[in-house]
Amino acid sequence: MTIEQRRAFVGQKLESIGETVTSWSKKNSLDHRIVNDLIDGKFLGTRGVTLKARTQIEAFFGNIFDN
């Protein structure tokens, strides 16, 4: 999945439940900037806080990351 496809998929799913990335992140006790950076491919989410965020993102959205 490309970054553009990932952004569109996440946006559509969040829109369908009336959420934004910021509100979804806050509800899941995550920093919205980290969530955005993971979706944009700036972070891989392999250790620490980014791994926790990636795990929660994948639990909600499914496997949207290529790795």
PDB file of N, CA and C in Angstrom:
ATOM      1  N   MET A   1       0.852  -1.172   0.000  1.00  0.00           N
ATOM      2  CA  MET A   1       0.000   0.000   0.000  1.00  0.00           C
ATOM      3  C   MET A   1       0.899   1.237   0.000  1.00  0.00           C
ATOM      4  N   THR A   2       0.658   2.134  -0.917  1.00  0.00           N
ATOM      5  CA  THR A   2       1.448   3.364  -0.970  1.00  0.00           C
ATOM      6  C   THR A   2       0.986   4.322   0.123  1.00  0.00           C
ATOM      7  N   ILE A   3       1.779   5.347   0.327  1.00  0.00           N
ATOM      8  CA  ILE A   3       1.443   6.331   1.357  1.00  0.00           C
ATOM      9  C   ILE A   3       0.116   7.012   1.042  1.00  0.00           C
ATOM     10  N   GLU A   4      -0.101   7.340  -0.229  1.00  0.00           N
ATOM     11  CA  GLU A   4      -1.359   7.992  -0.620  1.00  0.00           C
ATOM     12  C   GLU A   4      -2.553   7.064  -0.384  1.00  0.00           C
ATOM     13  N   GLN A   5      -2.390   5.803  -0.713  1.00  0.00           N
ATOM     14  CA  GLN A   5      -3.469   4.830  -0.492  1.00  0.00           C
ATOM     15  C   GLN A   5      -3.732   4.665   1.000  1.00  0.00           C
ATOM     16  N   ARG A   6      -2.652   4.623   1.786  1.00  0.00           N
ATOM     17  CA  ARG A   6      -2.791   4.479   3.237  1.00  0.00           C
ATOM     18  C   ARG A   6      -3.524   5.677   3.821  1.00  0.00           C
ATOM     19  N   ARG A   7      -3.142   6.893   3.403  1.00  0.00           N
ATOM     20  CA  ARG A   7      -3.825   8.111   3.883  1.00  0.00           C
ATOM     21  C   ARG A   7      -5.310   8.076   3.531  1.00  0.00           C
ATOM     22  N   ALA A   8      -5.615   7.707   2.294  1.00  0.00           N
ATOM     23  CA  ALA A   8      -7.011   7.662   1.853  1.00  0.00           C
ATOM     24  C   ALA A   8      -7.793   6.618   2.638  1.00  0.00           C
ATOM     25  N   PHE A   9      -7.229   5.438   2.831  1.00  0.00           N
ATOM     26  CA  PHE A   9      -7.906   4.363   3.558  1.00  0.00           C
ATOM     27  C   PHE A   9      -8.199   4.781   4.992  1.00  0.00           C
ATOM     28  N   VAL A  10      -7.180   5.314   5.661  1.00  0.00           N
ATOM     29  CA  VAL A  10      -7.350   5.752   7.048  1.00  0.00           C
ATOM     30  C   VAL A  10      -8.379   6.869   7.119  1.00  0.00           C
ATOM     31  N   GLY A  11      -8.289   7.826   6.215  1.00  0.00           N
ATOM     32  CA  GLY A  11      -9.235   8.940   6.196  1.00  0.00           C
ATOM     33  C   GLY A  11     -10.667   8.486   6.001  1.00  0.00           C
ATOM     34  N   GLN A  12     -10.881   7.552   5.079  1.00  0.00           N
ATOM     35  CA  GLN A  12     -12.229   7.041   4.828  1.00  0.00           C
ATOM     36  C   GLN A  12     -12.777   6.297   6.036  1.00  0.00           C
ATOM     37  N   LYS A  13     -11.938   5.461   6.643  1.00  0.00           N
ATOM     38  CA  LYS A  13     -12.408   4.690   7.797  1.00  0.00           C
ATOM     39  C   LYS A  13     -12.734   5.612   8.974  1.00  0.00           C
ATOM     40  N   LEU A  14     -11.874   6.600   9.213  1.00  0.00           N
ATOM     41  CA  LEU A  14     -12.136   7.534  10.313  1.00  0.00           C
ATOM     42  C   LEU A  14     -13.351   8.392  10.034  1.00  0.00           C
ATOM     43  N   GLU A  15     -13.512   8.819   8.797  1.00  0.00           N
ATOM     44  CA  GLU A  15     -14.670   9.638   8.426  1.00  0.00           C
ATOM     45  C   GLU A  15     -15.972   8.872   8.624  1.00  0.00           C
ATOM     46  N   SER A  16     -15.936   7.581   8.336  1.00  0.00           N
ATOM     47  CA  SER A  16     -17.157   6.772   8.469  1.00  0.00           C
ATOM     48  C   SER A  16     -17.623   6.647   9.917  1.00  0.00           C
ATOM     49  N   ILE A  17     -16.694   6.807  10.860  1.00  0.00           N
ATOM     50  CA  ILE A  17     -17.085   6.746  12.274  1.00  0.00           C
ATOM     51  C   ILE A  17     -17.093   8.124  12.925  1.00  0.00           C
ATOM     52  N   GLY A  18     -16.918   9.168  12.101  1.00  0.00           N
ATOM     53  CA  GLY A  18     -16.986  10.537  12.602  1.00  0.00           C
ATOM     54  C   GLY A  18     -15.783  10.962  13.418  1.00  0.00           C
ATOM     55  N   GLU A  19     -14.629  10.449  13.090  1.00  0.00           N
ATOM     56  CA  GLU A  19     -13.407  10.769  13.816  1.00  0.00           C
ATOM     57  C   GLU A  19     -12.396  11.448  12.900  1.00  0.00           C
ATOM     58  N   THR A  20     -11.399  12.046  13.516  1.00  0.00           N
ATOM     59  CA  THR A  20     -10.223  12.547  12.808  1.00  0.00           C
ATOM     60  C   THR A  20      -9.024  11.809  13.378  1.00  0.00           C
ATOM     61  N   VAL A  21      -7.881  11.955  12.730  1.00  0.00           N
ATOM     62  CA  VAL A  21      -6.673  11.312  13.254  1.00  0.00           C
ATOM     63  C   VAL A  21      -6.388  11.820  14.669  1.00  0.00           C
ATOM     64  N   THR A  22      -6.561  13.106  14.870  1.00  0.00           N
ATOM     65  CA  THR A  22      -6.296  13.691  16.182  1.00  0.00           C
ATOM     66  C   THR A  22      -7.233  13.138  17.244  1.00  0.00           C
ATOM     67  N   SER A  23      -8.527  13.088  16.956  1.00  0.00           N
ATOM     68  CA  SER A  23      -9.475  12.597  17.963  1.00  0.00           C
ATOM     69  C   SER A  23      -9.291  11.105  18.211  1.00  0.00           C
ATOM     70  N   TRP A  24      -9.023  10.326  17.154  1.00  0.00           N
ATOM     71  CA  TRP A  24      -8.795   8.891  17.316  1.00  0.00           C
ATOM     72  C   TRP A  24      -7.546   8.651  18.147  1.00  0.00           C
ATOM     73  N   SER A  25      -6.498   9.419  17.875  1.00  0.00           N
ATOM     74  CA  SER A  25      -5.243   9.277  18.622  1.00  0.00           C
ATOM     75  C   SER A  25      -5.457   9.592  20.098  1.00  0.00           C
ATOM     76  N   LYS A  26      -6.186  10.662  20.361  1.00  0.00           N
ATOM     77  CA  LYS A  26      -6.440  11.058  21.747  1.00  0.00           C
ATOM     78  C   LYS A  26      -7.220   9.981  22.492  1.00  0.00           C
ATOM     79  N   LYS A  27      -8.228   9.404  21.838  1.00  0.00           N
ATOM     80  CA  LYS A  27      -9.019   8.341  22.465  1.00  0.00           C
ATOM     81  C   LYS A  27      -8.188   7.101  22.760  1.00  0.00           C
ATOM     82  N   ASN A  28      -7.126   6.896  21.985  1.00  0.00           N
ATOM     83  CA  ASN A  28      -6.271   5.728  22.165  1.00  0.00           C
ATOM     84  C   ASN A  28      -4.966   6.064  22.885  1.00  0.00           C
ATOM     85  N   SER A  29      -4.920   7.227  23.515  1.00  0.00           N
ATOM     86  CA  SER A  29      -3.769   7.682  24.293  1.00  0.00           C
ATOM     87  C   SER A  29      -2.476   7.694  23.482  1.00  0.00           C
ATOM     88  N   LEU A  30      -2.574   8.162  22.242  1.00  0.00           N
ATOM     89  CA  LEU A  30      -1.414   8.252  21.362  1.00  0.00           C
ATOM     90  C   LEU A  30      -1.204   9.703  20.949  1.00  0.00           C
ATOM     91  N   ASP A  31       0.029  10.042  20.648  1.00  0.00           N
ATOM     92  CA  ASP A  31       0.353  11.369  20.137  1.00  0.00           C
ATOM     93  C   ASP A  31      -0.033  11.413  18.661  1.00  0.00           C
ATOM     94  N   HIS A  32      -0.879  12.352  18.285  1.00  0.00           N
ATOM     95  CA  HIS A  32      -1.366  12.424  16.902  1.00  0.00           C
ATOM     96  C   HIS A  32      -0.240  12.668  15.905  1.00  0.00           C
ATOM     97  N   ARG A  33       0.827  13.328  16.345  1.00  0.00           N
ATOM     98  CA  ARG A  33       1.960  13.564  15.441  1.00  0.00           C
ATOM     99  C   ARG A  33       2.674  12.262  15.106  1.00  0.00           C
ATOM    100  N   ILE A  34       2.786  11.375  16.074  1.00  0.00           N
ATOM    101  CA  ILE A  34       3.407  10.063  15.824  1.00  0.00           C
ATOM    102  C   ILE A  34       2.518   9.241  14.907  1.00  0.00           C
ATOM    103  N   VAL A  35       1.224   9.275  15.140  1.00  0.00           N
ATOM    104  CA  VAL A  35       0.291   8.539  14.287  1.00  0.00           C
ATOM    105  C   VAL A  35       0.374   9.056  12.852  1.00  0.00           C
ATOM    106  N   ASN A  36       0.362  10.357  12.679  1.00  0.00           N
ATOM    107  CA  ASN A  36       0.488  10.938  11.340  1.00  0.00           C
ATOM    108  C   ASN A  36       1.807  10.552  10.685  1.00  0.00           C
ATOM    109  N   ASP A  37       2.896  10.598  11.436  1.00  0.00           N
ATOM    110  CA  ASP A  37       4.201  10.243  10.882  1.00  0.00           C
ATOM    111  C   ASP A  37       4.271   8.768  10.502  1.00  0.00           C
ATOM    112  N   LEU A  38       3.622   7.903  11.248  1.00  0.00           N
ATOM    113  CA  LEU A  38       3.567   6.488  10.876  1.00  0.00           C
ATOM    114  C   LEU A  38       2.759   6.298   9.597  1.00  0.00           C
ATOM    115  N   ILE A  39       1.624   6.953   9.508  1.00  0.00           N
ATOM    116  CA  ILE A  39       0.789   6.847   8.309  1.00  0.00           C
ATOM    117  C   ILE A  39       1.533   7.401   7.094  1.00  0.00           C
ATOM    118  N   ASP A  40       2.293   8.478   7.291  1.00  0.00           N
ATOM    119  CA  ASP A  40       3.043   9.107   6.202  1.00  0.00           C
ATOM    120  C   ASP A  40       4.352   8.390   5.872  1.00  0.00           C
ATOM    121  N   GLY A  41       4.690   7.361   6.638  1.00  0.00           N
ATOM    122  CA  GLY A  41       5.897   6.598   6.357  1.00  0.00           C
ATOM    123  C   GLY A  41       7.175   7.219   6.881  1.00  0.00           C
ATOM    124  N   LYS A  42       7.079   8.229   7.716  1.00  0.00           N
ATOM    125  CA  LYS A  42       8.274   8.868   8.276  1.00  0.00           C
ATOM    126  C   LYS A  42       8.880   8.032   9.393  1.00  0.00           C
ATOM    127  N   PHE A  43       8.049   7.277  10.094  1.00  0.00           N
ATOM    128  CA  PHE A  43       8.499   6.342  11.123  1.00  0.00           C
ATOM    129  C   PHE A  43       8.109   4.942  10.691  1.00  0.00           C
ATOM    130  N   LEU A  44       8.919   3.965  11.095  1.00  0.00           N
ATOM    131  CA  LEU A  44       8.607   2.568  10.781  1.00  0.00           C
ATOM    132  C   LEU A  44       7.824   1.890  11.892  1.00  0.00           C
ATOM    133  N   GLY A  45       7.972   2.372  13.114  1.00  0.00           N
ATOM    134  CA  GLY A  45       7.254   1.772  14.229  1.00  0.00           C
ATOM    135  C   GLY A  45       7.848   0.447  14.650  1.00  0.00           C
ATOM    136  N   THR A  46       9.161   0.423  14.825  1.00  0.00           N
ATOM    137  CA  THR A  46       9.817  -0.830  15.176  1.00  0.00           C
ATOM    138  C   THR A  46      10.236  -0.929  16.632  1.00  0.00           C
ATOM    139  N   ARG A  47      10.269   0.216  17.343  1.00  0.00           N
ATOM    140  CA  ARG A  47      10.674   0.169  18.749  1.00  0.00           C
ATOM    141  C   ARG A  47       9.952   1.243  19.546  1.00  0.00           C
ATOM    142  N   GLY A  48       9.824   0.984  20.829  1.00  0.00           N
ATOM    143  CA  GLY A  48       9.333   1.977  21.771  1.00  0.00           C
ATOM    144  C   GLY A  48       7.937   2.506  21.504  1.00  0.00           C
ATOM    145  N   VAL A  49       7.802   3.809  21.607  1.00  0.00           N
ATOM    146  CA  VAL A  49       6.512   4.483  21.474  1.00  0.00           C
ATOM    147  C   VAL A  49       5.930   4.284  20.072  1.00  0.00           C
ATOM    148  N   THR A  50       6.788   4.325  19.070  1.00  0.00           N
ATOM    149  CA  THR A  50       6.275   4.154  17.706  1.00  0.00           C
ATOM    150  C   THR A  50       5.764   2.739  17.469  1.00  0.00           C
ATOM    151  N   LEU A  51       6.388   1.745  18.087  1.00  0.00           N
ATOM    152  CA  LEU A  51       5.900   0.366  17.971  1.00  0.00           C
ATOM    153  C   LEU A  51       4.536   0.221  18.633  1.00  0.00           C
ATOM    154  N   LYS A  52       4.376   0.832  19.800  1.00  0.00           N
ATOM    155  CA  LYS A  52       3.086   0.799  20.493  1.00  0.00           C
ATOM    156  C   LYS A  52       1.999   1.436  19.620  1.00  0.00           C
ATOM    157  N   ALA A  53       2.326   2.582  19.032  1.00  0.00           N
ATOM    158  CA  ALA A  53       1.358   3.271  18.179  1.00  0.00           C
ATOM    159  C   ALA A  53       1.034   2.431  16.948  1.00  0.00           C
ATOM    160  N   ARG A  54       2.049   1.872  16.318  1.00  0.00           N
ATOM    161  CA  ARG A  54       1.825   1.047  15.122  1.00  0.00           C
ATOM    162  C   ARG A  54       0.950  -0.159  15.447  1.00  0.00           C
ATOM    163  N   THR A  55       1.188  -0.780  16.590  1.00  0.00           N
ATOM    164  CA  THR A  55       0.389  -1.936  17.010  1.00  0.00           C
ATOM    165  C   THR A  55      -1.077  -1.555  17.159  1.00  0.00           C
ATOM    166  N   GLN A  56      -1.339  -0.406  17.772  1.00  0.00           N
ATOM    167  CA  GLN A  56      -2.718   0.043  17.947  1.00  0.00           C
ATOM    168  C   GLN A  56      -3.356   0.435  16.611  1.00  0.00           C
ATOM    169  N   ILE A  57      -2.578   1.043  15.735  1.00  0.00           N
ATOM    170  CA  ILE A  57      -3.093   1.406  14.418  1.00  0.00           C
ATOM    171  C   ILE A  57      -3.474   0.145  13.646  1.00  0.00           C
ATOM    172  N   GLU A  58      -2.587  -0.856  13.663  1.00  0.00           N
ATOM    173  CA  GLU A  58      -2.869  -2.100  12.938  1.00  0.00           C
ATOM    174  C   GLU A  58      -4.036  -2.860  13.553  1.00  0.00           C
ATOM    175  N   ALA A  59      -4.208  -2.770  14.866  1.00  0.00           N
ATOM    176  CA  ALA A  59      -5.339  -3.435  15.505  1.00  0.00           C
ATOM    177  C   ALA A  59      -6.659  -2.831  15.031  1.00  0.00           C
ATOM    178  N   PHE A  60      -6.671  -1.534  14.788  1.00  0.00           N
ATOM    179  CA  PHE A  60      -7.900  -0.860  14.375  1.00  0.00           C
ATOM    180  C   PHE A  60      -8.107  -0.887  12.864  1.00  0.00           C
ATOM    181  N   PHE A  61      -7.062  -0.572  12.108  1.00  0.00           N
ATOM    182  CA  PHE A  61      -7.184  -0.432  10.655  1.00  0.00           C
ATOM    183  C   PHE A  61      -6.809  -1.686   9.879  1.00  0.00           C
ATOM    184  N   GLY A  62      -6.213  -2.657  10.531  1.00  0.00           N
ATOM    185  CA  GLY A  62      -5.718  -3.826   9.814  1.00  0.00           C
ATOM    186  C   GLY A  62      -4.279  -3.588   9.396  1.00  0.00           C
ATOM    187  N   ASN A  63      -3.739  -4.496   8.613  1.00  0.00           N
ATOM    188  CA  ASN A  63      -2.334  -4.399   8.197  1.00  0.00           C
ATOM    189  C   ASN A  63      -2.209  -3.404   7.044  1.00  0.00           C
ATOM    190  N   ILE A  64      -1.972  -2.144   7.394  1.00  0.00           N
ATOM    191  CA  ILE A  64      -1.857  -1.106   6.360  1.00  0.00           C
ATOM    192  C   ILE A  64      -0.409  -0.786   6.034  1.00  0.00           C
ATOM    193  N   PHE A  65       0.510  -1.399   6.761  1.00  0.00           N
ATOM    194  CA  PHE A  65       1.934  -1.160   6.541  1.00  0.00           C
ATOM    195  C   PHE A  65       2.506  -2.323   5.739  1.00  0.00           C
ATOM    196  N   ASP A  66       3.474  -2.026   4.895  1.00  0.00           N
ATOM    197  CA  ASP A  66       4.057  -3.044   4.024  1.00  0.00           C
ATOM    198  C   ASP A  66       4.940  -4.030   4.767  1.00  0.00           C
ATOM    199  N   ASN A  67       5.571  -3.599   5.840  1.00  0.00           N
ATOM    200  CA  ASN A  67       6.536  -4.456   6.536  1.00  0.00           C
ATOM    201  C   ASN A  67       5.841  -5.526   7.311  1.00  0.00           C
TER     202      ASN A  67
END
